[in-house]
C-alpha atoms as a PDB file:
ATOM      1  CA  ILE A   1     120.459  98.005 108.284  1.00  0.00           C
ATOM      2  CA  GLY A   2     123.028  96.382 106.319  1.00  0.00           C
ATOM      3  CA  GLY A   3     126.256  98.323 104.053  1.00  0.00           C
ATOM      4  CA  SER A   4     125.827  99.181 100.725  1.00  0.00           C
ATOM      5  CA  ASN A   5     128.664  97.017 100.346  1.00  0.00           C
ATOM      6  CA  THR A   6     125.935  93.833 100.158  1.00  0.00           C
ATOM      7  CA  LEU A   7     125.265  95.107  96.573  1.00  0.00           C
ATOM      8  CA  SER A   8     128.353  96.054  95.147  1.00  0.00           C
ATOM      9  CA  THR A   9     131.846  95.126  95.070  1.00  0.00           C
ATOM     10  CA  GLN A  10     132.959  97.760  92.711  1.00  0.00           C
ATOM     11  CA  ASP A  11     134.627 100.928  94.303  1.00  0.00           C
ATOM     12  CA  PHE A  12     132.988 103.241  92.366  1.00  0.00           C
ATOM     13  CA  VAL A  13     129.880 102.007  93.249  1.00  0.00           C
ATOM     14  CA  LEU A  14     129.979 101.838  96.507  1.00  0.00           C
ATOM     15  CA  THR A  15     131.226 105.144  96.313  1.00  0.00           C
ATOM     16  CA  HIS A  16     128.290 106.464  94.822  1.00  0.00           C
ATOM     17  CA  LEU A  17     125.646 104.218  97.304  1.00  0.00           C
ATOM     18  CA  THR A  18     127.392 106.081  99.920  1.00  0.00           C
ATOM     19  CA  ALA A  19     127.756 109.604  98.991  1.00  0.00           C
ATOM     20  CA  ASN A  20     123.928 109.313  98.147  1.00  0.00           C
ATOM     21  CA  ASN A  21     122.952 108.490 101.611  1.00  0.00           C
ATOM     22  CA  ASN A  22     121.825 104.671  99.974  1.00  0.00           C
ATOM     23  CA  ILE A  23     120.820 101.718 102.569  1.00  0.00           C
ATOM     24  CA  VAL A  24     120.340  98.563 102.895  1.00  0.00           C
ATOM     25  CA  SER A  25     117.296  96.827 104.558  1.00  0.00           C
ATOM     26  CA  ASP A  26     114.804  94.550 104.919  1.00  0.00           C
ATOM     27  CA  PRO A  27     111.671  96.340 104.208  1.00  0.00           C
ATOM     28  CA  GLN A  28     109.576  93.936 106.117  1.00  0.00           C
ATOM     29  CA  LEU A  29     106.878  93.435 103.505  1.00  0.00           C
ATOM     30  CA  ARG A  30     103.525  92.231 104.602  1.00  0.00           C
ATOM     31  CA  GLY A  31     102.778  90.162 101.546  1.00  0.00           C
ATOM     32  CA  ILE A  32     104.796  88.884  98.358  1.00  0.00           C
ATOM     33  CA  SER A  33     102.826  86.043  96.941  1.00  0.00           C
ATOM     34  CA  ARG A  34     102.904  85.619  93.374  1.00  0.00           C
ATOM     35  CA  GLN A  35      99.773  84.070  92.682  1.00  0.00           C
ATOM     36  CA  PRO A  36      95.730  86.234  92.141  1.00  0.00           C
ATOM     37  CA  ASN A  37      95.174  84.921  96.195  1.00  0.00           C
ATOM     38  CA  ALA A  38      95.262  88.579  97.559  1.00  0.00           C
ATOM     39  CA  GLY A  39      98.248  87.882  99.337  1.00  0.00           C
ATOM     40  CA  LEU A  40     100.418  90.757  97.503  1.00  0.00           C
ATOM     41  CA  ASP A  41     100.517  93.736 100.086  1.00  0.00           C
ATOM     42  CA  PRO A  42     103.730  95.792  99.167  1.00  0.00           C
ATOM     43  CA  ARG A  43     103.421  97.556 102.486  1.00  0.00           C
ATOM     44  CA  PRO A  44     106.232  97.296 105.019  1.00  0.00           C
ATOM     45  CA  ALA A  45     105.096  96.139 108.239  1.00  0.00           C
ATOM     46  CA  ILE A  46     104.430  98.791 110.901  1.00  0.00           C
ATOM     47  CA  GLY A  47     108.064  98.342 112.911  1.00  0.00           C
ATOM     48  CA  SER A  48     109.588  98.515 109.385  1.00  0.00           C
ATOM     49  CA  PRO A  49     113.314 100.583 109.493  1.00  0.00           C
ATOM     50  CA  VAL A  50     111.836 101.734 106.334  1.00  0.00           C
ATOM     51  CA  ASN A  51     108.805 103.443 108.003  1.00  0.00           C
ATOM     52  CA  SER A  52     111.014 106.807 108.993  1.00  0.00           C
ATOM     53  CA  GLY A  53     113.895 109.136 108.134  1.00  0.00           C
ATOM     54  CA  ALA A  54     113.493 109.346 104.341  1.00  0.00           C
ATOM     55  CA  ALA A  55     115.489 112.942 102.918  1.00  0.00           C
ATOM     56  CA  ALA A  56     113.213 115.678 101.824  1.00  0.00           C
ATOM     57  CA  VAL A  57     113.210 116.874  98.487  1.00  0.00           C
ATOM     58  CA  ASN A  58     113.893 120.026  96.887  1.00  0.00           C
ATOM     59  CA  ASP A  59     111.495 120.019  94.497  1.00  0.00           C
ATOM     60  CA  PRO A  60     107.623 121.059  94.698  1.00  0.00           C
ATOM     61  CA  PHE A  61     106.518 118.358  92.171  1.00  0.00           C
ATOM     62  CA  PHE A  62     106.776 115.665  94.433  1.00  0.00           C
ATOM     63  CA  ALA A  63     105.441 115.559  97.991  1.00  0.00           C
ATOM     64  CA  ASN A  64     107.864 114.678 100.837  1.00  0.00           C
ATOM     65  CA  VAL A  65     107.332 112.114 103.532  1.00  0.00           C
ATOM     66  CA  ASN A  66     108.852 110.550 106.276  1.00  0.00           C
ATOM     67  CA  TYR A  67     108.971 106.834 104.910  1.00  0.00           C
ATOM     68  CA  HIS A  68     111.154 105.402 102.177  1.00  0.00           C
ATOM     69  CA  GLY A  69     109.829 103.900  99.202  1.00  0.00           C
ATOM     70  CA  ALA A  70     106.084 103.892  97.375  1.00  0.00           C
ATOM     71  CA  PHE A  71     103.898 102.882 100.461  1.00  0.00           C
ATOM     72  CA  ASP A  72     103.341 104.195 103.611  1.00  0.00           C
ATOM     73  CA  ALA A  73     103.017 101.499 106.715  1.00  0.00           C
ATOM     74  CA  ASN A  74     100.005 103.495 107.975  1.00  0.00           C
ATOM     75  CA  ASN A  75      97.877 103.890 105.205  1.00  0.00           C
ATOM     76  CA  GLY A  76      95.698 101.823 102.517  1.00  0.00           C
ATOM     77  CA  LEU A  77      97.467 100.367  99.302  1.00  0.00           C
ATOM     78  CA  TRP A  78      97.095 103.625  96.457  1.00  0.00           C
ATOM     79  CA  THR A  79      96.738 100.769  94.330  1.00  0.00           C
ATOM     80  CA  GLU A  80      93.319  99.773  95.464  1.00  0.00           C
ATOM     81  CA  SER A  81      90.636  99.091  92.584  1.00  0.00           C
ATOM     82  CA  TRP A  82      92.362 100.675  89.564  1.00  0.00           C
ATOM     83  CA  THR A  83      95.762  98.841  89.064  1.00  0.00           C
ATOM     84  CA  ALA A  84      96.191  95.516  87.445  1.00  0.00           C
ATOM     85  CA  LEU A  85      97.337  93.652  90.181  1.00  0.00           C
ATOM     86  CA  SER A  86      94.106  94.766  92.241  1.00  0.00           C
ATOM     87  CA  VAL A  87      91.529  94.371  89.751  1.00  0.00           C
ATOM     88  CA  TYR A  88      93.091  90.340  88.846  1.00  0.00           C
ATOM     89  CA  GLY A  89      93.329  89.705  92.973  1.00  0.00           C
ATOM     90  CA  TYR A  90      96.857  89.993  93.038  1.00  0.00           C
ATOM     91  CA  THR A  91      96.704  92.372  95.830  1.00  0.00           C
ATOM     92  CA  ALA A  92      95.127  92.755  99.570  1.00  0.00           C
ATOM     93  CA  SER A  93      92.431  94.673  99.849  1.00  0.00           C
ATOM     94  CA  THR A  94      92.879  97.574 102.625  1.00  0.00           C
ATOM     95  CA  VAL A  95      88.974  98.411 102.630  1.00  0.00           C
ATOM     96  CA  LEU A  96      88.027  96.919 105.776  1.00  0.00           C
ATOM     97  CA  SER A  97      84.394  97.127 105.957  1.00  0.00           C
ATOM     98  CA  VAL A  98      81.815  99.018 103.805  1.00  0.00           C
ATOM     99  CA  GLU A  99      78.190  98.614 103.683  1.00  0.00           C
ATOM    100  CA  GLU A 100      76.053 100.457 101.955  1.00  0.00           C
ATOM    101  CA  SER A 101      72.102 100.793 102.420  1.00  0.00           C
ATOM    102  CA  ILE A 102      68.908 103.186 100.082  1.00  0.00           C
ATOM    103  CA  MET A 103      67.307 105.150 101.965  1.00  0.00           C
ATOM    104  CA  GLU A 104      63.771 105.260 102.127  1.00  0.00           C
ATOM    105  CA  GLY A 105      61.946 108.282 100.659  1.00  0.00           C
ATOM    106  CA  SER A 106      61.021 110.378  97.160  1.00  0.00           C
ATOM    107  CA  ILE A 107      63.122 110.354  94.257  1.00  0.00           C
ATOM    108  CA  PRO A 108      66.000 113.543  94.635  1.00  0.00           C
ATOM    109  CA  LEU A 109      65.937 116.360  92.144  1.00  0.00           C
ATOM    110  CA  THR A 110      69.926 117.239  92.210  1.00  0.00           C
ATOM    111  CA  TYR A 111      73.101 115.067  92.980  1.00  0.00           C
ATOM    112  CA  GLU A 112      74.239 115.511  96.427  1.00  0.00           C
ATOM    113  CA  LEU A 113      76.706 114.520  98.714  1.00  0.00           C
ATOM    114  CA  THR A 114      76.448 115.529 102.368  1.00  0.00           C
ATOM    115  CA  GLN A 115      78.778 116.217 105.162  1.00  0.00           C
ATOM    116  CA  ASN A 116      79.909 112.635 106.979  1.00  0.00           C
ATOM    117  CA  TYR A 117      79.005 112.366 110.217  1.00  0.00           C
ATOM    118  CA  PRO A 118      80.376 111.961 112.853  1.00  0.00           C
ATOM    119  CA  ASN A 119      83.156 114.248 111.797  1.00  0.00           C
ATOM    120  CA  PRO A 120      85.939 113.844 113.100  1.00  0.00           C
ATOM    121  CA  PHE A 121      85.093 110.096 113.132  1.00  0.00           C
ATOM    122  CA  ASN A 122      87.269 107.071 114.852  1.00  0.00           C
ATOM    123  CA  PRO A 123      87.359 104.580 113.112  1.00  0.00           C
ATOM    124  CA  SER A 124      84.010 104.713 111.303  1.00  0.00           C
ATOM    125  CA  THR A 125      82.034 107.155 109.412  1.00  0.00           C
ATOM    126  CA  THR A 126      78.510 107.138 107.409  1.00  0.00           C
ATOM    127  CA  ILE A 127      78.163 109.303 104.063  1.00  0.00           C
ATOM    128  CA  ASN A 128      75.028 109.925 102.633  1.00  0.00           C
ATOM    129  CA  TYR A 129      74.847 110.616  98.710  1.00  0.00           C
ATOM    130  CA  SER A 130      72.086 111.673  96.214  1.00  0.00           C
ATOM    131  CA  VAL A 131      71.301 110.935  92.592  1.00  0.00           C
ATOM    132  CA  PRO A 132      68.169 112.197  90.563  1.00  0.00           C
ATOM    133  CA  ASN A 133      68.534 109.594  87.518  1.00  0.00           C
ATOM    134  CA  ALA A 134      69.939 105.849  87.534  1.00  0.00           C
ATOM    135  CA  GLY A 135      73.948 105.439  86.204  1.00  0.00           C
ATOM    136  CA  HIS A 136      77.158 104.805  87.354  1.00  0.00           C
ATOM    137  CA  VAL A 137      78.432 105.939  90.622  1.00  0.00           C
ATOM    138  CA  LYS A 138      81.556 105.612  92.335  1.00  0.00           C
ATOM    139  CA  LEU A 139      82.094 106.892  96.121  1.00  0.00           C
ATOM    140  CA  SER A 140      86.268 107.108  96.752  1.00  0.00           C
ATOM    141  CA  VAL A 141      88.340 108.083  99.332  1.00  0.00           C
ATOM    142  CA  TYR A 142      91.800 110.132  98.662  1.00  0.00           C
ATOM    143  CA  ASN A 143      94.325 111.170 101.355  1.00  0.00           C
ATOM    144  CA  ILE A 144      95.833 114.182 101.287  1.00  0.00           C
ATOM    145  CA  LEU A 145      98.224 113.200  98.804  1.00  0.00           C
ATOM    146  CA  GLY A 146      95.579 112.531  96.286  1.00  0.00           C
ATOM    147  CA  GLN A 147      96.236 109.035  96.526  1.00  0.00           C
ATOM    148  CA  GLN A 148      93.104 106.634  96.495  1.00  0.00           C
ATOM    149  CA  VAL A 149      93.224 104.703  99.969  1.00  0.00           C
ATOM    150  CA  ALA A 150      89.635 103.310  99.486  1.00  0.00           C
ATOM    151  CA  LEU A 151      86.508 102.386  96.754  1.00  0.00           C
ATOM    152  CA  LEU A 152      83.655 102.744  98.675  1.00  0.00           C
ATOM    153  CA  VAL A 153      80.889 102.061  96.418  1.00  0.00           C
ATOM    154  CA  GLU A 154      81.056 101.580  92.432  1.00  0.00           C
ATOM    155  CA  GLY A 155      78.617 100.380  89.610  1.00  0.00           C
ATOM    156  CA  ALA A 156      75.210 101.153  88.536  1.00  0.00           C
ATOM    157  CA  LYS A 157      72.438 102.619  90.919  1.00  0.00           C
ATOM    158  CA  ASP A 158      69.295 103.722  90.705  1.00  0.00           C
ATOM    159  CA  ALA A 159      67.738 107.525  91.386  1.00  0.00           C
ATOM    160  CA  GLY A 160      67.635 107.668  95.293  1.00  0.00           C
ATOM    161  CA  SER A 161      68.814 108.414  98.462  1.00  0.00           C
ATOM    162  CA  TYR A 162      72.493 106.036  99.591  1.00  0.00           C
ATOM    163  CA  SER A 163      73.844 105.773 102.924  1.00  0.00           C
ATOM    164  CA  VAL A 164      77.666 104.165 103.057  1.00  0.00           C
ATOM    165  CA  LYS A 165      79.108 103.446 106.552  1.00  0.00           C
ATOM    166  CA  TRP A 166      83.081 103.083 106.506  1.00  0.00           C
ATOM    167  CA  ASP A 167      85.599 101.620 108.685  1.00  0.00           C
ATOM    168  CA  ALA A 168      88.627 103.160 108.193  1.00  0.00           C
ATOM    169  CA  ALA A 169      90.601 101.593 111.196  1.00  0.00           C
ATOM    170  CA  ASN A 170      93.458 100.593 108.775  1.00  0.00           C
ATOM    171  CA  LEU A 171      94.342 104.413 108.137  1.00  0.00           C
ATOM    172  CA  SER A 172      96.073 106.986 110.252  1.00  0.00           C
ATOM    173  CA  SER A 173      94.570 110.241 111.831  1.00  0.00           C
ATOM    174  CA  GLY A 174      94.519 112.888 109.122  1.00  0.00           C
ATOM    175  CA  VAL A 175      92.161 114.508 106.666  1.00  0.00           C
ATOM    176  CA  TYR A 176      90.907 112.823 103.724  1.00  0.00           C
ATOM    177  CA  ILE A 177      89.232 113.786 100.790  1.00  0.00           C
ATOM    178  CA  TYR A 178      85.311 111.687  99.758  1.00  0.00           C
ATOM    179  CA  ARG A 179      84.695 111.992  96.250  1.00  0.00           C
ATOM    180  CA  LEU A 180      81.162 111.192  94.435  1.00  0.00           C
ATOM    181  CA  GLU A 181      81.575 110.269  90.241  1.00  0.00           C
ATOM    182  CA  THR A 182      78.524 110.206  88.214  1.00  0.00           C
ATOM    183  CA  PRO A 183      78.284 111.061  84.534  1.00  0.00           C
ATOM    184  CA  ASN A 184      76.607 114.363  85.209  1.00  0.00           C
ATOM    185  CA  GLN A 185      78.375 115.980  88.082  1.00  0.00           C
ATOM    186  CA  VAL A 186      81.688 115.200  90.495  1.00  0.00           C
ATOM    187  CA  LEU A 187      81.302 116.115  93.890  1.00  0.00           C
ATOM    188  CA  THR A 188      83.921 116.196  97.241  1.00  0.00           C
ATOM    189  CA  LYS A 189      84.197 116.824 100.485  1.00  0.00           C
ATOM    190  CA  LYS A 190      86.938 116.847 103.529  1.00  0.00           C
ATOM    191  CA  MET A 191      86.355 114.783 106.582  1.00  0.00           C
ATOM    192  CA  THR A 192      89.281 113.821 109.188  1.00  0.00           C
ATOM    193  CA  LEU A 193      89.751 110.333 111.025  1.00  0.00           C
ATOM    194  CA  LEU A 194      91.236 111.266 114.567  1.00  0.00           C
ATOM    195  CA  LYS A 195      92.514 108.409 116.663  1.00  0.00           C
END
């Protein structure tokens, strides 16, 4: 961690930076590619000095975190699957493994999202869901701050029951919310990752 004097030589700027606990530090970003090659990963490396020491904010609008900046080194990219950087292939994929299969049997009568198993899990778990009508389906996972950390399924599905196996080895321990969105219903459940 360096001094603020590397940012400016003007006394009033240095006074402001010092008085507000600003630091100069290399965040050790995981990837800075500017090409659509999945090489942009703005999360700091695990050992980066920006992973701890953030000041608490006394405002209920903001979620207090321990790390500096917008990205947590211990979680996936919250920008995944919905930002232009992700959609056009600039950012890395932080979902390690998702396997989906259709389960044999009769067509379900209702929309259903079952409790994942095992729960708690480490590092993989299975989520089952059912849709009684063909249509667009989205199954995603969010951290406790409401940031999307994984997109497990998105696209048109026939009526039926499905099973998704998800490997969350790249995420840190905690409570996560998984959400099934269909044109007719939205269902959510909680799961716990314990490492």
